[in-house]
Amino acid sequence: MIDLHTHTFFSDGVLTPAELVRRAEVAGYSAIAIADHVDASNLEHVISKILQFYNETQGFYKSIKIIPAVEITHVPPAQIAALVGKARRLGARLVVCHGESICEPVHPGTNRAAIEAKVDILAHPGLITSEEVALAKKNNVHLEITSRSSHGLANGRVARLALQHGAQLVLNSDFHSPGDLHSPDLREKVAFGAGLSSEDLKQINQNMQDIVDKLSMPGVAV
């Protein structure tokens, strides 16, 4: 299994990076991205801390890959492109953007701004439009299906539009605490609950593996 959207105590998660990675490793994960929430106030600090953990500990983990990432969260849409570029320059290997969820007051226009900035993953973008999904397909932006209960209320819409336009999907936990880790059974239920088939889930898993494989190649962006 792979999870490309998790949080530690560097934002609003409850675990240290080490405990998160160890729990995922024991649960059978092959890769995990630490993508703590950032805005203009803490981007440099969070990336530096995640990179410190990555650089000092990655050699101790043999069965799981750690991906330094960030989730740009609740920032004005006009600021997103600059923060995406800065995050990449500072060393984030994966950039996630907190999409327009139906359960939070995310700035209107966030989904489009993130897609235009070519983030790697647009997280739980429940209020996304058909036009924006088509643009995500064109810009190779992956759209997220989530097991987080509140954000996941619009999974069906995201899945339907992604299939309609051929946009690539991922399935993440939006991990904040130990009970959020996926089991294979939970991943299947979340996918099926969004109206996806077994073949769709296989493609999602392949999409996520493809991201990890590309990130394992030095100098290659998703």
Protein backbone atom coordinates (compact mmCIF):
# COMPACT_ATOMS: atom_id res chain seq x y z
CA MET A 1 0.00 0.00 0.00
CA ILE A 2 0.96 3.63 -0.55
CA ASP A 3 -0.31 6.82 1.09
CA LEU A 4 0.62 10.18 -0.42
CA HIS A 5 -1.23 12.45 2.02
CA THR A 6 -0.38 12.21 5.73
CA HIS A 7 0.21 14.64 8.59
CA THR A 8 2.46 14.65 11.65
CA PHE A 9 2.77 16.94 14.66
CA PHE A 10 4.50 19.44 12.37
CA SER A 11 0.93 20.50 11.54
CA ASP A 12 -2.28 18.96 12.91
CA GLY A 13 -1.32 15.29 13.14
CA VAL A 14 -0.67 13.62 16.50
CA LEU A 15 2.41 11.50 15.72
CA THR A 16 6.07 12.22 15.17
CA PRO A 17 7.31 11.39 11.67
CA ALA A 18 9.17 8.39 13.07
CA GLU A 19 6.07 6.89 14.66
CA LEU A 20 3.98 7.53 11.55
CA VAL A 21 6.54 5.83 9.31
CA ARG A 22 7.03 2.92 11.69
CA ARG A 23 3.30 2.29 12.01
CA ALA A 24 2.94 2.39 8.23
CA GLU A 25 5.91 0.08 7.79
CA VAL A 26 4.46 -2.50 10.18
CA ALA A 27 1.08 -2.22 8.42
CA GLY A 28 2.73 -3.23 5.15
CA TYR A 29 3.05 0.09 3.36
CA SER A 30 5.74 0.40 0.69
CA ALA A 31 5.76 4.21 0.56
CA ILE A 32 4.40 7.16 2.50
CA ALA A 33 4.47 10.90 1.89
CA ILE A 34 4.63 13.26 4.86
CA ALA A 35 2.63 16.26 3.64
CA ASP A 36 2.03 18.60 6.54
CA HIS A 37 -0.15 21.69 6.17
CA VAL A 38 1.67 24.84 5.07
CA ASP A 39 1.01 28.43 4.09
CA ALA A 40 3.29 31.44 3.68
CA SER A 41 4.02 31.51 7.42
CA ASN A 42 5.50 28.04 7.90
CA LEU A 43 6.48 26.63 4.50
CA GLU A 44 10.23 26.88 5.05
CA HIS A 45 10.07 25.57 8.62
CA VAL A 46 7.95 22.52 7.82
CA ILE A 47 9.94 21.51 4.75
CA SER A 48 13.23 21.89 6.62
CA LYS A 49 11.98 19.67 9.45
CA ILE A 50 10.60 16.99 7.16
CA LEU A 51 13.82 17.01 5.14
CA GLN A 52 15.85 16.76 8.36
CA PHE A 53 13.90 13.66 9.34
CA TYR A 54 14.22 12.24 5.84
CA ASN A 55 17.96 12.87 5.52
CA GLU A 56 18.86 11.58 8.97
CA THR A 57 16.67 8.47 9.07
CA GLN A 58 15.91 7.17 5.58
CA GLY A 59 18.80 4.70 5.72
CA PHE A 60 17.20 2.95 8.67
CA TYR A 61 14.03 2.00 6.79
CA LYS A 62 14.47 -0.88 4.34
CA SER A 63 10.90 -1.75 3.39
CA ILE A 64 9.23 1.66 3.10
CA LYS A 65 10.05 4.77 1.10
CA ILE A 66 9.61 8.17 2.72
CA ILE A 67 8.58 11.08 0.49
CA PRO A 68 9.11 14.65 1.78
CA ALA A 69 5.98 16.60 0.81
CA VAL A 70 3.70 19.46 1.83
CA GLU A 71 0.00 20.27 1.63
CA ILE A 72 -0.63 23.91 0.72
CA THR A 73 -3.71 24.71 2.75
CA HIS A 74 -6.33 27.47 2.84
CA VAL A 75 -4.20 30.08 1.09
CA PRO A 76 -5.57 32.70 -1.33
CA PRO A 77 -5.68 31.23 -4.85
CA ALA A 78 -3.43 33.97 -6.23
CA GLN A 79 -0.70 32.83 -3.82
CA ILE A 80 -0.75 29.14 -4.73
CA ALA A 81 1.56 29.14 -7.76
CA ALA A 82 4.31 31.00 -5.91
CA LEU A 83 4.09 28.65 -2.92
CA VAL A 84 4.18 25.59 -5.17
CA GLY A 85 7.34 26.85 -6.82
CA LYS A 86 8.94 27.73 -3.49
CA ALA A 87 8.08 24.35 -2.00
CA ARG A 88 9.76 22.56 -4.89
CA ARG A 89 12.86 24.79 -4.66
CA LEU A 90 13.13 24.08 -0.94
CA GLY A 91 13.12 20.34 -1.56
CA ALA A 92 9.55 19.08 -1.34
CA ARG A 93 9.40 16.09 -3.66
CA LEU A 94 5.60 16.06 -3.78
CA VAL A 95 3.24 19.03 -3.56
CA VAL A 96 -0.35 18.51 -2.48
CA CYS A 97 -2.93 21.29 -2.37
CA HIS A 98 -5.94 21.29 -0.05
CA GLY A 99 -8.85 21.35 -2.47
CA GLU A 100 -12.31 22.90 -2.24
CA SER A 101 -13.90 20.47 0.17
CA ILE A 102 -17.62 20.69 0.86
CA CYS A 103 -17.00 20.78 4.63
CA GLU A 104 -14.49 23.66 4.96
CA PRO A 105 -14.48 27.33 3.84
CA VAL A 106 -11.70 26.94 1.28
CA HIS A 107 -11.26 29.98 -0.97
CA PRO A 108 -13.32 29.66 -4.18
CA GLY A 109 -10.95 29.28 -7.10
CA THR A 110 -8.48 27.12 -5.15
CA ASN A 111 -9.07 24.03 -7.28
CA ARG A 112 -8.38 25.88 -10.53
CA ALA A 113 -5.36 27.74 -9.15
CA ALA A 114 -3.81 24.50 -7.90
CA ILE A 115 -4.41 22.74 -11.21
CA GLU A 116 -2.97 25.65 -13.16
CA ALA A 117 0.09 25.58 -10.86
CA LYS A 118 0.46 21.88 -11.68
CA VAL A 119 0.48 20.53 -8.15
CA ASP A 120 1.03 16.81 -7.97
CA ILE A 121 -2.17 16.01 -6.06
CA LEU A 122 -5.31 18.07 -5.53
CA ALA A 123 -6.68 16.75 -2.25
CA HIS A 124 -10.38 16.06 -1.73
CA PRO A 125 -11.57 18.62 -4.35
CA GLY A 126 -15.27 17.99 -3.79
CA LEU A 127 -16.51 21.21 -5.40
CA ILE A 128 -14.50 20.68 -8.56
CA THR A 129 -16.13 21.43 -11.91
CA SER A 130 -16.15 19.34 -15.06
CA GLU A 131 -13.97 21.95 -16.79
CA GLU A 132 -11.43 21.84 -13.97
CA VAL A 133 -11.25 18.05 -14.12
CA ALA A 134 -10.51 18.25 -17.84
CA LEU A 135 -7.72 20.73 -17.07
CA ALA A 136 -6.38 18.39 -14.38
CA LYS A 137 -6.17 15.67 -17.02
CA LYS A 138 -4.25 18.02 -19.34
CA ASN A 139 -1.87 19.19 -16.59
CA ASN A 140 -1.27 15.71 -15.14
CA VAL A 141 -2.70 16.69 -11.76
CA HIS A 142 -3.92 13.70 -9.74
CA LEU A 143 -7.31 14.05 -8.05
CA GLU A 144 -7.79 12.52 -4.63
CA ILE A 145 -10.37 10.11 -3.32
CA THR A 146 -10.14 10.21 0.47
CA SER A 147 -11.11 8.01 3.37
CA ARG A 148 -11.41 11.04 5.66
CA SER A 149 -15.08 11.01 6.56
CA SER A 150 -15.90 14.70 6.16
CA HIS A 151 -13.94 15.40 2.98
CA GLY A 152 -14.98 12.05 1.53
CA LEU A 153 -18.64 13.01 1.29
CA ALA A 154 -18.01 14.21 -2.27
CA ASN A 155 -15.84 11.26 -3.38
CA GLY A 156 -18.53 10.08 -5.76
CA ARG A 157 -18.56 13.34 -7.69
CA VAL A 158 -14.77 13.44 -7.96
CA ALA A 159 -14.63 9.83 -9.12
CA ARG A 160 -17.41 10.25 -11.68
CA LEU A 161 -15.90 13.34 -13.27
CA ALA A 162 -12.40 11.85 -13.27
CA LEU A 163 -13.62 8.75 -15.10
CA GLN A 164 -15.58 10.91 -17.52
CA HIS A 165 -12.55 13.02 -18.47
CA GLY A 166 -9.78 10.45 -18.02
CA ALA A 167 -8.14 12.31 -15.12
CA GLN A 168 -5.86 10.30 -12.86
CA LEU A 169 -7.05 9.40 -9.37
CA VAL A 170 -5.25 8.57 -6.15
CA LEU A 171 -6.70 7.23 -2.90
CA ASN A 172 -5.25 8.58 0.35
CA SER A 173 -6.06 8.61 4.05
CA ASP A 174 -5.38 12.27 4.94
CA PHE A 175 -3.79 10.66 7.99
CA HIS A 176 -3.93 12.55 11.31
CA SER A 177 -3.96 9.79 13.94
CA PRO A 178 -3.16 6.04 14.18
CA GLY A 179 -6.65 4.84 13.34
CA ASP A 180 -6.49 6.54 9.95
CA LEU A 181 -4.11 4.04 8.34
CA HIS A 182 -5.69 2.05 5.53
CA SER A 183 -6.08 -1.69 5.37
CA PRO A 184 -6.56 -3.27 1.93
CA ASP A 185 -10.20 -3.91 2.89
CA LEU A 186 -10.80 -0.26 3.77
CA ARG A 187 -9.25 0.94 0.52
CA GLU A 188 -11.59 -1.33 -1.39
CA LYS A 189 -14.64 -0.10 0.53
CA VAL A 190 -13.73 3.57 0.02
CA ALA A 191 -13.25 3.00 -3.71
CA PHE A 192 -16.47 1.05 -4.09
CA GLY A 193 -18.35 3.62 -2.01
CA ALA A 194 -17.23 6.26 -4.52
CA GLY A 195 -18.71 4.20 -7.34
CA LEU A 196 -15.40 2.80 -8.58
CA SER A 197 -14.83 -0.76 -9.76
CA SER A 198 -12.14 -3.28 -8.88
CA GLU A 199 -10.37 -2.37 -12.14
CA ASP A 200 -10.58 1.31 -11.26
CA LEU A 201 -8.95 0.58 -7.89
CA LYS A 202 -6.17 -1.35 -9.58
CA GLN A 203 -5.54 1.66 -11.81
CA ILE A 204 -5.50 3.97 -8.80
CA ASN A 205 -2.94 1.76 -7.09
CA GLN A 206 -0.85 1.79 -10.27
CA ASN A 207 -1.12 5.59 -10.50
CA MET A 208 0.27 5.85 -6.99
CA GLN A 209 3.06 3.39 -7.70
CA ASP A 210 3.96 5.35 -10.81
CA ILE A 211 4.29 8.52 -8.72
CA VAL A 212 6.59 6.78 -6.24
CA ASP A 213 8.68 5.28 -9.04
CA LYS A 214 9.14 8.68 -10.69
CA LEU A 215 10.06 10.29 -7.38
CA SER A 216 12.72 7.63 -6.89
CA MET A 217 14.51 8.94 -9.98
CA PRO A 218 16.81 11.88 -9.05
CA GLY A 219 15.83 15.14 -10.71
CA VAL A 220 12.57 13.83 -12.14
CA ALA A 221 9.36 15.60 -11.14
CA VAL A 222 5.93 13.99 -11.11
